[in-house]
Structure formats: structure tokens, C-alpha cells
Amino acid sequence: MGGSKRAYAYSKYLDADVVICYKQRKKANVISHMELIGEVIGKHVILVDDMIDTGGTLAKAADLMMERGALSVRAICTHPILSGMRMKE
């Protein structure tokens, strides 16, 4: 939800809709719940994220978009860390 103002500003410029993918975490890198706010049925979706570490959140969001009827999903990230899967300690 932190980037929603920026997303709405871009949506006006691009004449596109905004959908919010809200997530709750139990702890770092563990999503307990993800909710989609908006409609993606029959649309091409671009996921925009500022930082990606393991990619788990992005993959789960993409799966959710496809499950909800998106035609395609692409992702953009400004700061990829891409550390891969974390080992359990």
C-alpha cells in the first residue's frame, strides 16, 4: 500500500487501471495472506515492485493475478537483490 499514491499518478499518465496486491507477513519472507483489491479479468498486468529479494512475493502475486483472470503478467523492479531461497536456520 506504500506506493499506491505513486501508482495512481502513473495510472493517470498511462490511462490505465490500478490494482493493489496487499500482503501480510508472519515474519520476513513468509507471507501469511495476500489480497487483491481491484479487477484483473481480461487484462494484461504489470507488477511494479521497488525491491525483490527471493522473488516469493512477486511469484505469489503473479499467480494470484492469473488465478483471477489476467491475460498476462509482467514484472518491473527498480532494486533487485535476488538473493534466492533462504536456508532455514
PDB file of N, CA and C in Angstrom:
ATOM      1  N   MET A   1       0.823  -1.191   0.000  1.00  0.00           N
ATOM      2  CA  MET A   1       0.000   0.000   0.000  1.00  0.00           C
ATOM      3  C   MET A   1       0.866   1.255   0.000  1.00  0.00           C
ATOM      4  N   GLY A   2       2.129   1.124   0.331  1.00  0.00           N
ATOM      5  CA  GLY A   2       3.010   2.272   0.427  1.00  0.00           C
ATOM      6  C   GLY A   2       3.162   3.042  -0.868  1.00  0.00           C
ATOM      7  N   GLY A   3       3.135   2.372  -2.004  1.00  0.00           N
ATOM      8  CA  GLY A   3       3.333   3.032  -3.288  1.00  0.00           C
ATOM      9  C   GLY A   3       2.043   3.363  -4.014  1.00  0.00           C
ATOM     10  N   SER A   4       0.915   3.298  -3.327  1.00  0.00           N
ATOM     11  CA  SER A   4      -0.362   3.471  -4.027  1.00  0.00           C
ATOM     12  C   SER A   4      -0.533   4.876  -4.605  1.00  0.00           C
ATOM     13  N   LYS A   5      -0.063   5.920  -3.918  1.00  0.00           N
ATOM     14  CA  LYS A   5      -0.170   7.275  -4.480  1.00  0.00           C
ATOM     15  C   LYS A   5       0.624   7.390  -5.773  1.00  0.00           C
ATOM     16  N   ARG A   6       1.822   6.832  -5.765  1.00  0.00           N
ATOM     17  CA  ARG A   6       2.667   6.852  -6.961  1.00  0.00           C
ATOM     18  C   ARG A   6       2.007   6.040  -8.075  1.00  0.00           C
ATOM     19  N   ALA A   7       1.431   4.896  -7.728  1.00  0.00           N
ATOM     20  CA  ALA A   7       0.763   4.052  -8.731  1.00  0.00           C
ATOM     21  C   ALA A   7      -0.396   4.799  -9.380  1.00  0.00           C
ATOM     22  N   TYR A   8      -1.181   5.518  -8.586  1.00  0.00           N
ATOM     23  CA  TYR A   8      -2.299   6.264  -9.149  1.00  0.00           C
ATOM     24  C   TYR A   8      -1.817   7.398 -10.052  1.00  0.00           C
ATOM     25  N   ALA A   9      -0.713   8.029  -9.688  1.00  0.00           N
ATOM     26  CA  ALA A   9      -0.157   9.091 -10.540  1.00  0.00           C
ATOM     27  C   ALA A   9       0.263   8.520 -11.888  1.00  0.00           C
ATOM     28  N   TYR A  10       0.947   7.371 -11.887  1.00  0.00           N
ATOM     29  CA  TYR A  10       1.352   6.733 -13.141  1.00  0.00           C
ATOM     30  C   TYR A  10       0.144   6.270 -13.938  1.00  0.00           C
ATOM     31  N   SER A  11      -0.881   5.777 -13.249  1.00  0.00           N
ATOM     32  CA  SER A  11      -2.060   5.266 -13.955  1.00  0.00           C
ATOM     33  C   SER A  11      -2.756   6.366 -14.741  1.00  0.00           C
ATOM     34  N   LYS A  12      -2.776   7.569 -14.190  1.00  0.00           N
ATOM     35  CA  LYS A  12      -3.386   8.692 -14.915  1.00  0.00           C
ATOM     36  C   LYS A  12      -2.577   9.005 -16.178  1.00  0.00           C
ATOM     37  N   TYR A  13      -1.258   9.004 -16.039  1.00  0.00           N
ATOM     38  CA  TYR A  13      -0.379   9.290 -17.171  1.00  0.00           C
ATOM     39  C   TYR A  13      -0.508   8.225 -18.256  1.00  0.00           C
ATOM     40  N   LEU A  14      -0.637   6.959 -17.839  1.00  0.00           N
ATOM     41  CA  LEU A  14      -0.708   5.840 -18.783  1.00  0.00           C
ATOM     42  C   LEU A  14      -2.130   5.487 -19.202  1.00  0.00           C
ATOM     43  N   ASP A  15      -3.120   6.160 -18.617  1.00  0.00           N
ATOM     44  CA  ASP A  15      -4.529   5.848 -18.855  1.00  0.00           C
ATOM     45  C   ASP A  15      -4.786   4.364 -18.593  1.00  0.00           C
ATOM     46  N   ALA A  16      -4.383   3.924 -17.401  1.00  0.00           N
ATOM     47  CA  ALA A  16      -4.508   2.512 -17.015  1.00  0.00           C
ATOM     48  C   ALA A  16      -5.184   2.411 -15.645  1.00  0.00           C
ATOM     49  N   ASP A  17      -5.701   1.240 -15.345  1.00  0.00           N
ATOM     50  CA  ASP A  17      -6.301   0.978 -14.042  1.00  0.00           C
ATOM     51  C   ASP A  17      -5.220   0.600 -13.033  1.00  0.00           C
ATOM     52  N   VAL A  18      -5.541   0.754 -11.755  1.00  0.00           N
ATOM     53  CA  VAL A  18      -4.637   0.349 -10.679  1.00  0.00           C
ATOM     54  C   VAL A  18      -5.288  -0.765  -9.881  1.00  0.00           C
ATOM     55  N   VAL A  19      -4.512  -1.780  -9.590  1.00  0.00           N
ATOM     56  CA  VAL A  19      -4.930  -2.873  -8.721  1.00  0.00           C
ATOM     57  C   VAL A  19      -3.879  -2.971  -7.623  1.00  0.00           C
ATOM     58  N   ILE A  20      -4.327  -3.157  -6.404  1.00  0.00           N
ATOM     59  CA  ILE A  20      -3.412  -3.256  -5.273  1.00  0.00           C
ATOM     60  C   ILE A  20      -3.356  -4.704  -4.811  1.00  0.00           C
ATOM     61  N   CYS A  21      -2.154  -5.198  -4.615  1.00  0.00           N
ATOM     62  CA  CYS A  21      -1.947  -6.540  -4.080  1.00  0.00           C
ATOM     63  C   CYS A  21      -1.428  -6.353  -2.649  1.00  0.00           C
ATOM     64  N   TYR A  22      -2.315  -6.549  -1.686  1.00  0.00           N
ATOM     65  CA  TYR A  22      -1.990  -6.293  -0.283  1.00  0.00           C
ATOM     66  C   TYR A  22      -1.532  -7.589   0.373  1.00  0.00           C
ATOM     67  N   LYS A  23      -0.381  -7.550   1.053  1.00  0.00           N
ATOM     68  CA  LYS A  23       0.139  -8.759   1.694  1.00  0.00           C
ATOM     69  C   LYS A  23       0.344  -8.532   3.179  1.00  0.00           C
ATOM     70  N   GLN A  24       0.195  -9.614   3.923  1.00  0.00           N
ATOM     71  CA  GLN A  24       0.506  -9.618   5.355  1.00  0.00           C
ATOM     72  C   GLN A  24       1.561 -10.675   5.579  1.00  0.00           C
ATOM     73  N   ARG A  25       2.526 -10.360   6.428  1.00  0.00           N
ATOM     74  CA  ARG A  25       3.622 -11.288   6.707  1.00  0.00           C
ATOM     75  C   ARG A  25       3.586 -11.751   8.161  1.00  0.00           C
ATOM     76  N   LYS A  26       3.911 -13.035   8.372  1.00  0.00           N
ATOM     77  CA  LYS A  26       4.106 -13.554   9.723  1.00  0.00           C
ATOM     78  C   LYS A  26       5.499 -13.167  10.201  1.00  0.00           C
ATOM     79  N   LYS A  27       6.471 -13.276   9.292  1.00  0.00           N
ATOM     80  CA  LYS A  27       7.851 -12.888   9.558  1.00  0.00           C
ATOM     81  C   LYS A  27       8.508 -12.610   8.212  1.00  0.00           C
ATOM     82  N   ALA A  28       9.757 -12.199   8.222  1.00  0.00           N
ATOM     83  CA  ALA A  28      10.445 -11.868   6.977  1.00  0.00           C
ATOM     84  C   ALA A  28      10.391 -13.032   5.991  1.00  0.00           C
ATOM     85  N   ASN A  29      10.063 -12.734   4.735  1.00  0.00           N
ATOM     86  CA  ASN A  29       9.997 -13.701   3.633  1.00  0.00           C
ATOM     87  C   ASN A  29       8.934 -14.777   3.801  1.00  0.00           C
ATOM     88  N   VAL A  30       7.955 -14.563   4.692  1.00  0.00           N
ATOM     89  CA  VAL A  30       6.852 -15.520   4.867  1.00  0.00           C
ATOM     90  C   VAL A  30       5.530 -14.755   4.798  1.00  0.00           C
ATOM     91  N   ILE A  31       4.805 -14.936   3.702  1.00  0.00           N
ATOM     92  CA  ILE A  31       3.519 -14.258   3.527  1.00  0.00           C
ATOM     93  C   ILE A  31       2.427 -15.117   4.148  1.00  0.00           C
ATOM     94  N   SER A  32       1.643 -14.521   5.039  1.00  0.00           N
ATOM     95  CA  SER A  32       0.544 -15.259   5.650  1.00  0.00           C
ATOM     96  C   SER A  32      -0.753 -15.091   4.865  1.00  0.00           C
ATOM     97  N   HIS A  33      -0.892 -13.944   4.182  1.00  0.00           N
ATOM     98  CA  HIS A  33      -2.129 -13.683   3.444  1.00  0.00           C
ATOM     99  C   HIS A  33      -1.853 -12.650   2.352  1.00  0.00           C
ATOM    100  N   MET A  34      -2.468 -12.846   1.186  1.00  0.00           N
ATOM    101  CA  MET A  34      -2.362 -11.872   0.109  1.00  0.00           C
ATOM    102  C   MET A  34      -3.752 -11.629  -0.450  1.00  0.00           C
ATOM    103  N   GLU A  35      -4.113 -10.366  -0.592  1.00  0.00           N
ATOM    104  CA  GLU A  35      -5.442  -9.973  -1.049  1.00  0.00           C
ATOM    105  C   GLU A  35      -5.319  -9.068  -2.275  1.00  0.00           C
ATOM    106  N   LEU A  36      -6.190  -9.269  -3.238  1.00  0.00           N
ATOM    107  CA  LEU A  36      -6.225  -8.456  -4.451  1.00  0.00           C
ATOM    108  C   LEU A  36      -7.352  -7.438  -4.322  1.00  0.00           C
ATOM    109  N   ILE A  37      -7.013  -6.165  -4.490  1.00  0.00           N
ATOM    110  CA  ILE A  37      -8.001  -5.099  -4.439  1.00  0.00           C
ATOM    111  C   ILE A  37      -8.122  -4.545  -5.855  1.00  0.00           C
ATOM    112  N   GLY A  38      -9.227  -4.866  -6.521  1.00  0.00           N
ATOM    113  CA  GLY A  38      -9.444  -4.452  -7.900  1.00  0.00           C
ATOM    114  C   GLY A  38      -9.679  -5.651  -8.800  1.00  0.00           C
ATOM    115  N   GLU A  39      -9.919  -5.377 -10.073  1.00  0.00           N
ATOM    116  CA  GLU A  39     -10.238  -6.423 -11.051  1.00  0.00           C
ATOM    117  C   GLU A  39      -9.157  -6.538 -12.118  1.00  0.00           C
ATOM    118  N   VAL A  40      -8.776  -7.770 -12.435  1.00  0.00           N
ATOM    119  CA  VAL A  40      -7.775  -8.011 -13.480  1.00  0.00           C
ATOM    120  C   VAL A  40      -8.298  -8.905 -14.603  1.00  0.00           C
ATOM    121  N   ILE A  41      -9.542  -9.287 -14.537  1.00  0.00           N
ATOM    122  CA  ILE A  41     -10.122 -10.194 -15.535  1.00  0.00           C
ATOM    123  C   ILE A  41      -9.967  -9.601 -16.933  1.00  0.00           C
ATOM    124  N   GLY A  42      -9.349 -10.385 -17.833  1.00  0.00           N
ATOM    125  CA  GLY A  42      -9.196  -9.980 -19.222  1.00  0.00           C
ATOM    126  C   GLY A  42      -8.183  -8.873 -19.460  1.00  0.00           C
ATOM    127  N   LYS A  43      -7.291  -8.632 -18.489  1.00  0.00           N
ATOM    128  CA  LYS A  43      -6.322  -7.536 -18.624  1.00  0.00           C
ATOM    129  C   LYS A  43      -4.889  -8.055 -18.618  1.00  0.00           C
ATOM    130  N   HIS A  44      -4.015  -7.281 -19.210  1.00  0.00           N
ATOM    131  CA  HIS A  44      -2.580  -7.534 -19.145  1.00  0.00           C
ATOM    132  C   HIS A  44      -2.065  -6.748 -17.940  1.00  0.00           C
ATOM    133  N   VAL A  45      -1.402  -7.428 -17.016  1.00  0.00           N
ATOM    134  CA  VAL A  45      -0.992  -6.829 -15.742  1.00  0.00           C
ATOM    135  C   VAL A  45       0.514  -6.590 -15.735  1.00  0.00           C
ATOM    136  N   ILE A  46       0.903  -5.433 -15.226  1.00  0.00           N
ATOM    137  CA  ILE A  46       2.311  -5.137 -14.977  1.00  0.00           C
ATOM    138  C   ILE A  46       2.464  -4.958 -13.473  1.00  0.00           C
ATOM    139  N   LEU A  47       3.232  -5.846 -12.843  1.00  0.00           N
ATOM    140  CA  LEU A  47       3.518  -5.729 -11.414  1.00  0.00           C
ATOM    141  C   LEU A  47       4.743  -4.844 -11.257  1.00  0.00           C
ATOM    142  N   VAL A  48       4.643  -3.842 -10.401  1.00  0.00           N
ATOM    143  CA  VAL A  48       5.758  -2.936 -10.149  1.00  0.00           C
ATOM    144  C   VAL A  48       6.137  -3.076  -8.691  1.00  0.00           C
ATOM    145  N   ASP A  49       7.411  -3.378  -8.457  1.00  0.00           N
ATOM    146  CA  ASP A  49       7.904  -3.537  -7.087  1.00  0.00           C
ATOM    147  C   ASP A  49       9.222  -2.789  -6.967  1.00  0.00           C
ATOM    148  N   ASP A  50       9.454  -2.204  -5.801  1.00  0.00           N
ATOM    149  CA  ASP A  50      10.691  -1.453  -5.634  1.00  0.00           C
ATOM    150  C   ASP A  50      11.869  -2.358  -5.299  1.00  0.00           C
ATOM    151  N   MET A  51      11.631  -3.428  -4.554  1.00  0.00           N
ATOM    152  CA  MET A  51      12.724  -4.288  -4.132  1.00  0.00           C
ATOM    153  C   MET A  51      12.297  -5.754  -4.175  1.00  0.00           C
ATOM    154  N   ILE A  52      13.138  -6.593  -4.759  1.00  0.00           N
ATOM    155  CA  ILE A  52      12.866  -8.028  -4.798  1.00  0.00           C
ATOM    156  C   ILE A  52      14.076  -8.752  -4.230  1.00  0.00           C
ATOM    157  N   ASP A  53      13.812  -9.595  -3.211  1.00  0.00           N
ATOM    158  CA  ASP A  53      14.891 -10.368  -2.601  1.00  0.00           C
ATOM    159  C   ASP A  53      14.829 -11.797  -3.130  1.00  0.00           C
ATOM    160  N   THR A  54      13.954 -12.624  -2.575  1.00  0.00           N
ATOM    161  CA  THR A  54      13.861 -14.015  -3.021  1.00  0.00           C
ATOM    162  C   THR A  54      12.921 -14.197  -4.215  1.00  0.00           C
ATOM    163  N   GLY A  55      12.030 -13.231  -4.444  1.00  0.00           N
ATOM    164  CA  GLY A  55      11.074 -13.324  -5.539  1.00  0.00           C
ATOM    165  C   GLY A  55       9.783 -14.032  -5.157  1.00  0.00           C
ATOM    166  N   GLY A  56       9.677 -14.487  -3.921  1.00  0.00           N
ATOM    167  CA  GLY A  56       8.493 -15.216  -3.482  1.00  0.00           C
ATOM    168  C   GLY A  56       7.219 -14.392  -3.542  1.00  0.00           C
ATOM    169  N   THR A  57       7.278 -13.150  -3.076  1.00  0.00           N
ATOM    170  CA  THR A  57       6.106 -12.279  -3.100  1.00  0.00           C
ATOM    171  C   THR A  57       5.677 -12.001  -4.530  1.00  0.00           C
ATOM    172  N   LEU A  58       6.623 -11.711  -5.389  1.00  0.00           N
ATOM    173  CA  LEU A  58       6.323 -11.418  -6.781  1.00  0.00           C
ATOM    174  C   LEU A  58       5.685 -12.625  -7.471  1.00  0.00           C
ATOM    175  N   ALA A  59       6.223 -13.812  -7.236  1.00  0.00           N
ATOM    176  CA  ALA A  59       5.675 -15.037  -7.831  1.00  0.00           C
ATOM    177  C   ALA A  59       4.260 -15.297  -7.327  1.00  0.00           C
ATOM    178  N   LYS A  60       4.045 -15.098  -6.025  1.00  0.00           N
ATOM    179  CA  LYS A  60       2.709 -15.323  -5.459  1.00  0.00           C
ATOM    180  C   LYS A  60       1.709 -14.307  -6.031  1.00  0.00           C
ATOM    181  N   ALA A  61       2.136 -13.059  -6.175  1.00  0.00           N
ATOM    182  CA  ALA A  61       1.264 -12.033  -6.749  1.00  0.00           C
ATOM    183  C   ALA A  61       0.924 -12.356  -8.199  1.00  0.00           C
ATOM    184  N   ALA A  62       1.901 -12.806  -8.970  1.00  0.00           N
ATOM    185  CA  ALA A  62       1.660 -13.171 -10.368  1.00  0.00           C
ATOM    186  C   ALA A  62       0.683 -14.337 -10.463  1.00  0.00           C
ATOM    187  N   ASP A  63       0.869 -15.336  -9.615  1.00  0.00           N
ATOM    188  CA  ASP A  63      -0.058 -16.476  -9.593  1.00  0.00           C
ATOM    189  C   ASP A  63      -1.476 -16.015  -9.268  1.00  0.00           C
ATOM    190  N   LEU A  64      -1.596 -15.117  -8.288  1.00  0.00           N
ATOM    191  CA  LEU A  64      -2.908 -14.605  -7.888  1.00  0.00           C
ATOM    192  C   LEU A  64      -3.574 -13.859  -9.047  1.00  0.00           C
ATOM    193  N   MET A  65      -2.811 -13.063  -9.773  1.00  0.00           N
ATOM    194  CA  MET A  65      -3.359 -12.327 -10.917  1.00  0.00           C
ATOM    195  C   MET A  65      -3.883 -13.287 -11.989  1.00  0.00           C
ATOM    196  N   MET A  66      -3.115 -14.326 -12.287  1.00  0.00           N
ATOM    197  CA  MET A  66      -3.543 -15.306 -13.286  1.00  0.00           C
ATOM    198  C   MET A  66      -4.777 -16.069 -12.805  1.00  0.00           C
ATOM    199  N   GLU A  67      -4.805 -16.436 -11.524  1.00  0.00           N
ATOM    200  CA  GLU A  67      -5.969 -17.133 -10.960  1.00  0.00           C
ATOM    201  C   GLU A  67      -7.228 -16.281 -11.060  1.00  0.00           C
ATOM    202  N   ARG A  68      -7.062 -14.975 -10.968  1.00  0.00           N
ATOM    203  CA  ARG A  68      -8.202 -14.052 -11.005  1.00  0.00           C
ATOM    204  C   ARG A  68      -8.559 -13.614 -12.419  1.00  0.00           C
ATOM    205  N   GLY A  69      -7.911 -14.198 -13.439  1.00  0.00           N
ATOM    206  CA  GLY A  69      -8.341 -13.968 -14.813  1.00  0.00           C
ATOM    207  C   GLY A  69      -7.502 -13.030 -15.652  1.00  0.00           C
ATOM    208  N   ALA A  70      -6.315 -12.665 -15.202  1.00  0.00           N
ATOM    209  CA  ALA A  70      -5.445 -11.815 -16.021  1.00  0.00           C
ATOM    210  C   ALA A  70      -5.016 -12.571 -17.277  1.00  0.00           C
ATOM    211  N   LEU A  71      -4.874 -11.859 -18.382  1.00  0.00           N
ATOM    212  CA  LEU A  71      -4.415 -12.480 -19.622  1.00  0.00           C
ATOM    213  C   LEU A  71      -2.919 -12.746 -19.585  1.00  0.00           C
ATOM    214  N   SER A  72      -2.159 -11.839 -18.975  1.00  0.00           N
ATOM    215  CA  SER A  72      -0.714 -11.999 -18.846  1.00  0.00           C
ATOM    216  C   SER A  72      -0.239 -11.176 -17.654  1.00  0.00           C
ATOM    217  N   VAL A  73       0.950 -11.519 -17.173  1.00  0.00           N
ATOM    218  CA  VAL A  73       1.557 -10.786 -16.057  1.00  0.00           C
ATOM    219  C   VAL A  73       3.025 -10.572 -16.369  1.00  0.00           C
ATOM    220  N   ARG A  74       3.464  -9.335 -16.236  1.00  0.00           N
ATOM    221  CA  ARG A  74       4.875  -8.973 -16.375  1.00  0.00           C
ATOM    222  C   ARG A  74       5.273  -8.218 -15.127  1.00  0.00           C
ATOM    223  N   ALA A  75       6.571  -8.178 -14.835  1.00  0.00           N
ATOM    224  CA  ALA A  75       7.033  -7.516 -13.611  1.00  0.00           C
ATOM    225  C   ALA A  75       8.161  -6.542 -13.904  1.00  0.00           C
ATOM    226  N   ILE A  76       8.184  -5.470 -13.135  1.00  0.00           N
ATOM    227  CA  ILE A  76       9.239  -4.468 -13.191  1.00  0.00           C
ATOM    228  C   ILE A  76       9.732  -4.255 -11.765  1.00  0.00           C
ATOM    229  N   CYS A  77      11.052  -4.204 -11.606  1.00  0.00           N
ATOM    230  CA  CYS A  77      11.639  -3.961 -10.289  1.00  0.00           C
ATOM    231  C   CYS A  77      12.766  -2.951 -10.413  1.00  0.00           C
ATOM    232  N   THR A  78      12.822  -2.011  -9.486  1.00  0.00           N
ATOM    233  CA  THR A  78      13.865  -0.997  -9.545  1.00  0.00           C
ATOM    234  C   THR A  78      15.131  -1.379  -8.781  1.00  0.00           C
ATOM    235  N   HIS A  79      15.012  -2.213  -7.760  1.00  0.00           N
ATOM    236  CA  HIS A  79      16.165  -2.597  -6.937  1.00  0.00           C
ATOM    237  C   HIS A  79      16.166  -4.108  -6.683  1.00  0.00           C
ATOM    238  N   PRO A  80      16.584  -4.906  -7.648  1.00  0.00           N
ATOM    239  CA  PRO A  80      16.603  -6.353  -7.430  1.00  0.00           C
ATOM    240  C   PRO A  80      17.803  -6.785  -6.583  1.00  0.00           C
ATOM    241  N   ILE A  81      17.531  -7.456  -5.488  1.00  0.00           N
ATOM    242  CA  ILE A  81      18.581  -8.039  -4.659  1.00  0.00           C
ATOM    243  C   ILE A  81      18.862  -9.465  -5.126  1.00  0.00           C
ATOM    244  N   LEU A  82      17.772 -10.208  -5.366  1.00  0.00           N
ATOM    245  CA  LEU A  82      17.799 -11.550  -5.947  1.00  0.00           C
ATOM    246  C   LEU A  82      18.775 -12.493  -5.225  1.00  0.00           C
ATOM    247  N   SER A  83      18.585 -12.615  -3.925  1.00  0.00           N
ATOM    248  CA  SER A  83      19.460 -13.475  -3.133  1.00  0.00           C
ATOM    249  C   SER A  83      19.061 -14.946  -3.213  1.00  0.00           C
ATOM    250  N   GLY A  84      17.919 -15.246  -3.816  1.00  0.00           N
ATOM    251  CA  GLY A  84      17.480 -16.640  -3.931  1.00  0.00           C
ATOM    252  C   GLY A  84      16.777 -17.119  -2.678  1.00  0.00           C
ATOM    253  N   MET A  85      16.595 -18.414  -2.597  1.00  0.00           N
ATOM    254  CA  MET A  85      15.892 -19.015  -1.459  1.00  0.00           C
ATOM    255  C   MET A  85      16.760 -18.925  -0.214  1.00  0.00           C
ATOM    256  N   ARG A  86      16.113 -18.643   0.907  1.00  0.00           N
ATOM    257  CA  ARG A  86      16.832 -18.598   2.175  1.00  0.00           C
ATOM    258  C   ARG A  86      16.811 -19.981   2.821  1.00  0.00           C
ATOM    259  N   MET A  87      17.902 -20.339   3.400  1.00  0.00           N
ATOM    260  CA  MET A  87      18.003 -21.617   4.109  1.00  0.00           C
ATOM    261  C   MET A  87      17.408 -21.456   5.503  1.00  0.00           C
ATOM    262  N   LYS A  88      16.675 -22.468   5.975  1.00  0.00           N
ATOM    263  CA  LYS A  88      16.142 -22.428   7.339  1.00  0.00           C
ATOM    264  C   LYS A  88      17.278 -22.588   8.330  1.00  0.00           C
ATOM    265  N   GLU A  89      17.218 -21.787   9.373  1.00  0.00           N
ATOM    266  CA  GLU A  89      18.284 -21.871  10.385  1.00  0.00           C
ATOM    267  C   GLU A  89      17.871 -22.750  11.528  1.00  0.00           C
TER     268      GLU A  89
END
